[in-house]
Structures are given as structure tokens and as C-alpha cells.
Amino acid sequence: DRVAGPAAQTLIHKVEEAAQRIAERTGASIEEVVAEAKLLAQGT
């Protein structure tokens, strides 16, 4: 992975936090939520 700047690191941390909450709420695994977010981020 690329080395991200401080702002990107914060964003990544927030995304991981959000993924955890969504996973808890929906019963999906955190990995599933993160994978979905990555697909969305790539524009696919």
C-alpha cells in the first residue's frame, strides 16, 4: 500500500471505525464492509 499523509490516515481510521459500526449493525463482517468501501472508492 502507498504511504498516506496524516489527513488520509485520519480518513482511513474513520472509515475503519464506520466499517466496524456498520458491521455490528448489519451483521456483516468488517472485512466485507471494508471491501465494499474500497470498491466504491475505486469507482467500480
N, C-alpha and C. Protein backbone atom coordinates (compact mmCIF):
# COMPACT_ATOMS: atom_id res chain seq x y z
N ASP A 1 0.83 -1.21 0.00
CA ASP A 1 0.00 0.00 0.00
C ASP A 1 0.86 1.25 0.00
N ARG A 2 0.31 2.31 -0.55
CA ARG A 2 1.02 3.58 -0.56
C ARG A 2 1.05 4.16 0.85
N VAL A 3 2.07 4.98 1.10
CA VAL A 3 2.15 5.68 2.38
C VAL A 3 1.23 6.89 2.29
N ALA A 4 0.30 6.99 3.22
CA ALA A 4 -0.68 8.08 3.19
C ALA A 4 -0.27 9.19 4.13
N GLY A 5 -0.63 10.42 3.79
CA GLY A 5 -0.38 11.56 4.65
C GLY A 5 -1.29 11.53 5.86
N PRO A 6 -1.05 12.45 6.80
CA PRO A 6 -1.84 12.49 8.04
C PRO A 6 -3.35 12.59 7.80
N ALA A 7 -3.76 13.41 6.84
CA ALA A 7 -5.19 13.56 6.56
C ALA A 7 -5.78 12.24 6.07
N ALA A 8 -5.04 11.58 5.19
CA ALA A 8 -5.51 10.30 4.66
C ALA A 8 -5.54 9.25 5.77
N GLN A 9 -4.54 9.28 6.65
CA GLN A 9 -4.52 8.34 7.77
C GLN A 9 -5.76 8.51 8.64
N THR A 10 -6.11 9.77 8.91
CA THR A 10 -7.30 10.06 9.71
C THR A 10 -8.55 9.54 9.01
N LEU A 11 -8.62 9.77 7.71
CA LEU A 11 -9.77 9.32 6.92
C LEU A 11 -9.87 7.80 6.97
N ILE A 12 -8.74 7.13 6.77
CA ILE A 12 -8.72 5.67 6.82
C ILE A 12 -9.20 5.17 8.17
N HIS A 13 -8.74 5.83 9.24
CA HIS A 13 -9.15 5.44 10.59
C HIS A 13 -10.66 5.60 10.75
N LYS A 14 -11.20 6.70 10.25
CA LYS A 14 -12.64 6.95 10.36
C LYS A 14 -13.43 5.93 9.55
N VAL A 15 -12.91 5.58 8.38
CA VAL A 15 -13.57 4.56 7.55
C VAL A 15 -13.60 3.22 8.28
N GLU A 16 -12.48 2.87 8.91
CA GLU A 16 -12.42 1.61 9.66
C GLU A 16 -13.40 1.62 10.82
N GLU A 17 -13.50 2.77 11.50
CA GLU A 17 -14.44 2.92 12.60
C GLU A 17 -15.88 2.76 12.10
N ALA A 18 -16.17 3.42 10.99
CA ALA A 18 -17.50 3.32 10.39
C ALA A 18 -17.80 1.89 9.98
N ALA A 19 -16.81 1.22 9.40
CA ALA A 19 -16.98 -0.17 8.97
C ALA A 19 -17.34 -1.05 10.16
N GLN A 20 -16.68 -0.79 11.29
CA GLN A 20 -16.95 -1.58 12.49
C GLN A 20 -18.39 -1.39 12.94
N ARG A 21 -18.85 -0.13 12.94
CA ARG A 21 -20.23 0.16 13.37
C ARG A 21 -21.24 -0.47 12.42
N ILE A 22 -20.98 -0.34 11.12
CA ILE A 22 -21.90 -0.91 10.12
C ILE A 22 -21.93 -2.43 10.28
N ALA A 23 -20.76 -3.03 10.47
CA ALA A 23 -20.68 -4.48 10.63
C ALA A 23 -21.49 -4.93 11.84
N GLU A 24 -21.36 -4.19 12.95
CA GLU A 24 -22.12 -4.54 14.15
C GLU A 24 -23.62 -4.42 13.90
N ARG A 25 -24.01 -3.36 13.19
CA ARG A 25 -25.42 -3.09 12.96
C ARG A 25 -26.05 -4.08 11.98
N THR A 26 -25.27 -4.47 10.96
CA THR A 26 -25.85 -5.28 9.89
C THR A 26 -25.53 -6.77 10.01
N GLY A 27 -24.56 -7.11 10.86
CA GLY A 27 -24.16 -8.50 10.97
C GLY A 27 -23.19 -8.93 9.89
N ALA A 28 -22.78 -7.99 9.03
CA ALA A 28 -21.75 -8.29 8.03
C ALA A 28 -20.40 -8.29 8.73
N SER A 29 -19.41 -8.89 8.09
CA SER A 29 -18.07 -8.84 8.69
C SER A 29 -17.43 -7.50 8.34
N ILE A 30 -16.49 -7.07 9.19
CA ILE A 30 -15.79 -5.81 8.93
C ILE A 30 -15.07 -5.90 7.58
N GLU A 31 -14.52 -7.06 7.27
CA GLU A 31 -13.81 -7.26 6.00
C GLU A 31 -14.74 -7.01 4.82
N GLU A 32 -15.99 -7.51 4.91
CA GLU A 32 -16.96 -7.30 3.85
C GLU A 32 -17.25 -5.82 3.65
N VAL A 33 -17.44 -5.12 4.76
CA VAL A 33 -17.76 -3.70 4.70
C VAL A 33 -16.59 -2.92 4.10
N VAL A 34 -15.37 -3.23 4.54
CA VAL A 34 -14.18 -2.55 4.03
C VAL A 34 -13.99 -2.85 2.54
N ALA A 35 -14.19 -4.10 2.15
CA ALA A 35 -14.05 -4.47 0.74
C ALA A 35 -15.04 -3.69 -0.12
N GLU A 36 -16.26 -3.56 0.35
CA GLU A 36 -17.29 -2.80 -0.36
C GLU A 36 -16.89 -1.33 -0.48
N ALA A 37 -16.37 -0.77 0.62
CA ALA A 37 -15.94 0.63 0.62
C ALA A 37 -14.80 0.84 -0.37
N LYS A 38 -13.88 -0.11 -0.45
CA LYS A 38 -12.75 0.00 -1.38
C LYS A 38 -13.26 -0.01 -2.82
N LEU A 39 -14.23 -0.88 -3.11
CA LEU A 39 -14.80 -0.91 -4.45
C LEU A 39 -15.44 0.43 -4.80
N LEU A 40 -16.19 0.99 -3.85
CA LEU A 40 -16.82 2.29 -4.08
C LEU A 40 -15.77 3.37 -4.29
N ALA A 41 -14.70 3.32 -3.51
CA ALA A 41 -13.64 4.32 -3.61
C ALA A 41 -12.95 4.26 -4.97
N GLN A 42 -12.87 3.06 -5.54
CA GLN A 42 -12.24 2.88 -6.85
C GLN A 42 -13.19 3.24 -7.99
N GLY A 43 -14.43 3.51 -7.66
CA GLY A 43 -15.40 3.91 -8.67
C GLY A 43 -15.94 2.77 -9.50
N THR A 44 -15.92 1.55 -8.93
CA THR A 44 -16.47 0.40 -9.66
C THR A 44 -17.83 0.03 -9.08
